[in-house]
Amino acid sequence: MTTVADILRAKNNSPVHSVAPTDTMLAALQLMSDKGIGALLVLDGGRIAGIVTERDYARKVVLQGRSSSTTQVQEVMTSQVHCVLPRQTTAECMALMTSRRIRHLPVVNTEHQVLGMVSIGDLVKEIISEQQFTIQQLEHYITGSAHTTS
């Protein structure tokens, strides 16, 4: 079974993008747009203070008629952040995401230092890859792994 550490390695340990609690939502949205991502960690002094997503923006800024340029991230972010450890499996992460209805999981070490972030897309991609490998192995088993040409 694939672990979160495997997924982070496959992502080439891409940087975790973050904002401060006092940054504006406009700045957060601009960073998400520039990086092509849907969520940012909110870090305060290097520690996770929350997570802010495009969904948060839509529901807590746009639908409430607030201004992106004056609303601070801390007013919109989700402060109860569910994190995972590198040793956790894709199945464990999918179960957590499904039960909590979330799409992003920060990855931390035992000292709570941020190592990366995995998204539902990262997990689905890995699960599909695992299933394709299993299917290929079963096909080789059923048909015989040696292919001859005449």
C-alpha atoms as a PDB file:
ATOM      1  CA  MET A   1       0.000   0.000   0.000  1.00  0.00           C
ATOM      2  CA  THR A   2       1.259   3.435  -0.888  1.00  0.00           C
ATOM      3  CA  THR A   3       2.050   5.864   1.909  1.00  0.00           C
ATOM      4  CA  VAL A   4       1.816   9.631   2.080  1.00  0.00           C
ATOM      5  CA  ALA A   5       5.634   9.747   1.980  1.00  0.00           C
ATOM      6  CA  ASP A   6       5.528   7.943  -1.390  1.00  0.00           C
ATOM      7  CA  ILE A   7       3.073  10.498  -2.755  1.00  0.00           C
ATOM      8  CA  LEU A   8       5.205  13.419  -1.564  1.00  0.00           C
ATOM      9  CA  ARG A   9       8.267  11.860  -3.229  1.00  0.00           C
ATOM     10  CA  ALA A  10       6.310  11.489  -6.477  1.00  0.00           C
ATOM     11  CA  LYS A  11       5.379  15.163  -6.248  1.00  0.00           C
ATOM     12  CA  ASN A  12       9.124  15.899  -5.997  1.00  0.00           C
ATOM     13  CA  ASN A  13       8.554  17.384  -2.542  1.00  0.00           C
ATOM     14  CA  SER A  14       6.813  20.376  -4.097  1.00  0.00           C
ATOM     15  CA  PRO A  15       6.697  23.387  -1.799  1.00  0.00           C
ATOM     16  CA  VAL A  16       3.767  23.999   0.494  1.00  0.00           C
ATOM     17  CA  HIS A  17       2.289  27.389  -0.217  1.00  0.00           C
ATOM     18  CA  SER A  18       1.008  29.371   2.710  1.00  0.00           C
ATOM     19  CA  VAL A  19      -0.329  32.700   3.896  1.00  0.00           C
ATOM     20  CA  ALA A  20      -0.402  34.453   7.253  1.00  0.00           C
ATOM     21  CA  PRO A  21      -3.638  34.849   9.234  1.00  0.00           C
ATOM     22  CA  THR A  22      -3.564  38.629   8.703  1.00  0.00           C
ATOM     23  CA  ASP A  23      -3.115  38.435   4.904  1.00  0.00           C
ATOM     24  CA  THR A  24      -6.133  39.457   2.865  1.00  0.00           C
ATOM     25  CA  MET A  25      -8.257  36.964   1.018  1.00  0.00           C
ATOM     26  CA  LEU A  26      -7.346  38.812  -2.164  1.00  0.00           C
ATOM     27  CA  ALA A  27      -3.670  37.972  -1.582  1.00  0.00           C
ATOM     28  CA  ALA A  28      -4.569  34.362  -0.784  1.00  0.00           C
ATOM     29  CA  LEU A  29      -6.672  34.048  -3.940  1.00  0.00           C
ATOM     30  CA  GLN A  30      -3.911  35.557  -6.042  1.00  0.00           C
ATOM     31  CA  LEU A  31      -1.408  33.017  -4.695  1.00  0.00           C
ATOM     32  CA  MET A  32      -3.822  30.132  -5.312  1.00  0.00           C
ATOM     33  CA  SER A  33      -4.381  31.367  -8.854  1.00  0.00           C
ATOM     34  CA  ASP A  34      -0.654  31.859  -9.529  1.00  0.00           C
ATOM     35  CA  LYS A  35       0.188  28.357  -8.273  1.00  0.00           C
ATOM     36  CA  GLY A  36      -2.862  26.591  -9.724  1.00  0.00           C
ATOM     37  CA  ILE A  37      -3.935  25.217  -6.351  1.00  0.00           C
ATOM     38  CA  GLY A  38      -7.168  25.208  -4.380  1.00  0.00           C
ATOM     39  CA  ALA A  39      -5.930  25.496  -0.804  1.00  0.00           C
ATOM     40  CA  LEU A  40      -3.285  27.228   1.285  1.00  0.00           C
ATOM     41  CA  LEU A  41      -1.992  26.497   4.715  1.00  0.00           C
ATOM     42  CA  VAL A  42      -2.293  29.386   7.128  1.00  0.00           C
ATOM     43  CA  LEU A  43       0.930  29.572   9.105  1.00  0.00           C
ATOM     44  CA  ASP A  44       1.515  31.701  12.166  1.00  0.00           C
ATOM     45  CA  GLY A  45       5.111  31.671  13.338  1.00  0.00           C
ATOM     46  CA  GLY A  46       5.785  28.467  11.409  1.00  0.00           C
ATOM     47  CA  ARG A  47       2.892  26.612  13.050  1.00  0.00           C
ATOM     48  CA  ILE A  48      -0.356  25.638  11.361  1.00  0.00           C
ATOM     49  CA  ALA A  49      -3.081  28.085  12.333  1.00  0.00           C
ATOM     50  CA  GLY A  50      -5.565  26.912   9.717  1.00  0.00           C
ATOM     51  CA  ILE A  51      -6.270  26.147   6.099  1.00  0.00           C
ATOM     52  CA  VAL A  52      -8.067  28.315   3.582  1.00  0.00           C
ATOM     53  CA  THR A  53      -9.643  27.017   0.385  1.00  0.00           C
ATOM     54  CA  GLU A  54     -11.500  28.276  -2.645  1.00  0.00           C
ATOM     55  CA  ARG A  55     -14.615  26.772  -1.062  1.00  0.00           C
ATOM     56  CA  ASP A  56     -14.067  28.917   2.052  1.00  0.00           C
ATOM     57  CA  TYR A  57     -13.805  31.977  -0.160  1.00  0.00           C
ATOM     58  CA  ALA A  58     -17.000  31.186  -2.054  1.00  0.00           C
ATOM     59  CA  ARG A  59     -19.040  30.466   1.060  1.00  0.00           C
ATOM     60  CA  LYS A  60     -17.608  32.928   3.575  1.00  0.00           C
ATOM     61  CA  VAL A  61     -16.706  35.911   1.420  1.00  0.00           C
ATOM     62  CA  VAL A  62     -18.621  35.957  -1.864  1.00  0.00           C
ATOM     63  CA  LEU A  63     -21.955  34.644  -0.578  1.00  0.00           C
ATOM     64  CA  GLN A  64     -21.801  36.947   2.439  1.00  0.00           C
ATOM     65  CA  GLY A  65     -21.069  40.020   0.312  1.00  0.00           C
ATOM     66  CA  ARG A  66     -17.689  40.650   1.938  1.00  0.00           C
ATOM     67  CA  SER A  67     -14.727  42.303   0.250  1.00  0.00           C
ATOM     68  CA  SER A  68     -11.715  40.185  -0.745  1.00  0.00           C
ATOM     69  CA  SER A  69      -9.392  43.134  -0.272  1.00  0.00           C
ATOM     70  CA  THR A  70     -10.417  43.835   3.319  1.00  0.00           C
ATOM     71  CA  THR A  71     -11.325  40.379   4.652  1.00  0.00           C
ATOM     72  CA  GLN A  72      -8.428  38.744   6.446  1.00  0.00           C
ATOM     73  CA  VAL A  73      -7.640  35.058   5.990  1.00  0.00           C
ATOM     74  CA  GLN A  74      -8.177  34.410   9.721  1.00  0.00           C
ATOM     75  CA  GLU A  75     -11.822  35.467   9.339  1.00  0.00           C
ATOM     76  CA  VAL A  76     -12.427  32.812   6.690  1.00  0.00           C
ATOM     77  CA  MET A  77     -10.001  29.949   7.355  1.00  0.00           C
ATOM     78  CA  THR A  78     -10.839  26.615   8.886  1.00  0.00           C
ATOM     79  CA  SER A  79      -8.890  26.507  12.129  1.00  0.00           C
ATOM     80  CA  GLN A  80      -9.421  22.836  12.952  1.00  0.00           C
ATOM     81  CA  VAL A  81      -6.965  21.265  10.515  1.00  0.00           C
ATOM     82  CA  HIS A  82      -6.709  17.506  10.120  1.00  0.00           C
ATOM     83  CA  CYS A  83      -3.125  16.450   9.431  1.00  0.00           C
ATOM     84  CA  VAL A  84      -1.504  13.149   8.514  1.00  0.00           C
ATOM     85  CA  LEU A  85       1.899  11.606   9.078  1.00  0.00           C
ATOM     86  CA  PRO A  86       4.129  10.416   6.221  1.00  0.00           C
ATOM     87  CA  ARG A  87       3.640   6.751   7.194  1.00  0.00           C
ATOM     88  CA  GLN A  88      -0.132   6.864   6.728  1.00  0.00           C
ATOM     89  CA  THR A  89      -1.580   5.045   3.723  1.00  0.00           C
ATOM     90  CA  THR A  90      -3.684   6.320   0.851  1.00  0.00           C
ATOM     91  CA  ALA A  91      -6.605   4.289   2.216  1.00  0.00           C
ATOM     92  CA  GLU A  92      -6.326   5.954   5.626  1.00  0.00           C
ATOM     93  CA  CYS A  93      -6.202   9.392   4.007  1.00  0.00           C
ATOM     94  CA  MET A  94      -9.203   8.654   1.779  1.00  0.00           C
ATOM     95  CA  ALA A  95     -11.175   7.464   4.801  1.00  0.00           C
ATOM     96  CA  LEU A  96     -10.319  10.651   6.711  1.00  0.00           C
ATOM     97  CA  MET A  97     -11.154  12.892   3.762  1.00  0.00           C
ATOM     98  CA  THR A  98     -14.445  11.100   3.179  1.00  0.00           C
ATOM     99  CA  SER A  99     -15.554  11.154   6.805  1.00  0.00           C
ATOM    100  CA  ARG A 100     -14.539  14.799   7.336  1.00  0.00           C
ATOM    101  CA  ARG A 101     -15.606  15.975   3.857  1.00  0.00           C
ATOM    102  CA  ILE A 102     -12.249  17.634   3.183  1.00  0.00           C
ATOM    103  CA  ARG A 103     -10.064  17.751   0.086  1.00  0.00           C
ATOM    104  CA  HIS A 104      -6.610  18.634   1.421  1.00  0.00           C
ATOM    105  CA  LEU A 105      -4.438  17.152   4.158  1.00  0.00           C
ATOM    106  CA  PRO A 106      -1.241  18.735   5.436  1.00  0.00           C
ATOM    107  CA  VAL A 107       1.517  16.236   6.082  1.00  0.00           C
ATOM    108  CA  VAL A 108       3.483  16.799   9.283  1.00  0.00           C
ATOM    109  CA  ASN A 109       6.217  14.977  11.140  1.00  0.00           C
ATOM    110  CA  THR A 110       6.023  13.954  14.783  1.00  0.00           C
ATOM    111  CA  GLU A 111       7.208  17.446  15.814  1.00  0.00           C
ATOM    112  CA  HIS A 112       4.281  18.970  13.846  1.00  0.00           C
ATOM    113  CA  GLN A 113       6.592  20.480  11.219  1.00  0.00           C
ATOM    114  CA  VAL A 114       4.935  20.768   7.810  1.00  0.00           C
ATOM    115  CA  LEU A 115       6.409  18.384   5.237  1.00  0.00           C
ATOM    116  CA  GLY A 116       3.899  18.784   2.434  1.00  0.00           C
ATOM    117  CA  MET A 117       0.271  18.610   1.458  1.00  0.00           C
ATOM    118  CA  VAL A 118      -1.774  15.946  -0.311  1.00  0.00           C
ATOM    119  CA  SER A 119      -5.033  16.546  -2.111  1.00  0.00           C
ATOM    120  CA  ILE A 120      -7.889  14.249  -2.977  1.00  0.00           C
ATOM    121  CA  GLY A 121      -6.577  14.395  -6.552  1.00  0.00           C
ATOM    122  CA  ASP A 122      -3.161  13.116  -5.459  1.00  0.00           C
ATOM    123  CA  LEU A 123      -4.803  10.195  -3.667  1.00  0.00           C
ATOM    124  CA  VAL A 124      -7.152   9.314  -6.514  1.00  0.00           C
ATOM    125  CA  LYS A 125      -4.253   9.382  -8.983  1.00  0.00           C
ATOM    126  CA  GLU A 126      -2.253   7.004  -6.779  1.00  0.00           C
ATOM    127  CA  ILE A 127      -5.177   4.642  -6.194  1.00  0.00           C
ATOM    128  CA  ILE A 128      -5.873   4.457  -9.941  1.00  0.00           C
ATOM    129  CA  SER A 129      -2.196   3.719 -10.561  1.00  0.00           C
ATOM    130  CA  GLU A 130      -2.263   0.921  -7.968  1.00  0.00           C
ATOM    131  CA  GLN A 131      -5.408  -0.559  -9.523  1.00  0.00           C
ATOM    132  CA  GLN A 132      -3.925  -0.449 -13.037  1.00  0.00           C
ATOM    133  CA  PHE A 133      -0.834  -2.276 -11.770  1.00  0.00           C
ATOM    134  CA  THR A 134      -3.006  -4.941 -10.128  1.00  0.00           C
ATOM    135  CA  ILE A 135      -5.044  -5.371 -13.311  1.00  0.00           C
ATOM    136  CA  GLN A 136      -1.856  -5.792 -15.373  1.00  0.00           C
ATOM    137  CA  GLN A 137      -0.523  -8.369 -12.935  1.00  0.00           C
ATOM    138  CA  LEU A 138      -3.797 -10.313 -13.052  1.00  0.00           C
ATOM    139  CA  GLU A 139      -3.868 -10.165 -16.864  1.00  0.00           C
ATOM    140  CA  HIS A 140      -0.320 -11.525 -17.011  1.00  0.00           C
ATOM    141  CA  TYR A 141      -1.266 -14.275 -14.563  1.00  0.00           C
ATOM    142  CA  ILE A 142      -4.366 -15.270 -16.524  1.00  0.00           C
ATOM    143  CA  THR A 143      -2.839 -15.113 -20.004  1.00  0.00           C
ATOM    144  CA  GLY A 144       0.693 -16.152 -19.048  1.00  0.00           C
ATOM    145  CA  SER A 145       3.473 -13.643 -18.698  1.00  0.00           C
ATOM    146  CA  ALA A 146       5.553 -14.929 -21.612  1.00  0.00           C
ATOM    147  CA  HIS A 147       4.508 -13.477 -24.941  1.00  0.00           C
ATOM    148  CA  THR A 148       5.893 -15.139 -28.037  1.00  0.00           C
ATOM    149  CA  THR A 149       5.970 -13.813 -31.541  1.00  0.00           C
ATOM    150  CA  SER A 150       5.909 -16.109 -34.589  1.00  0.00           C
END
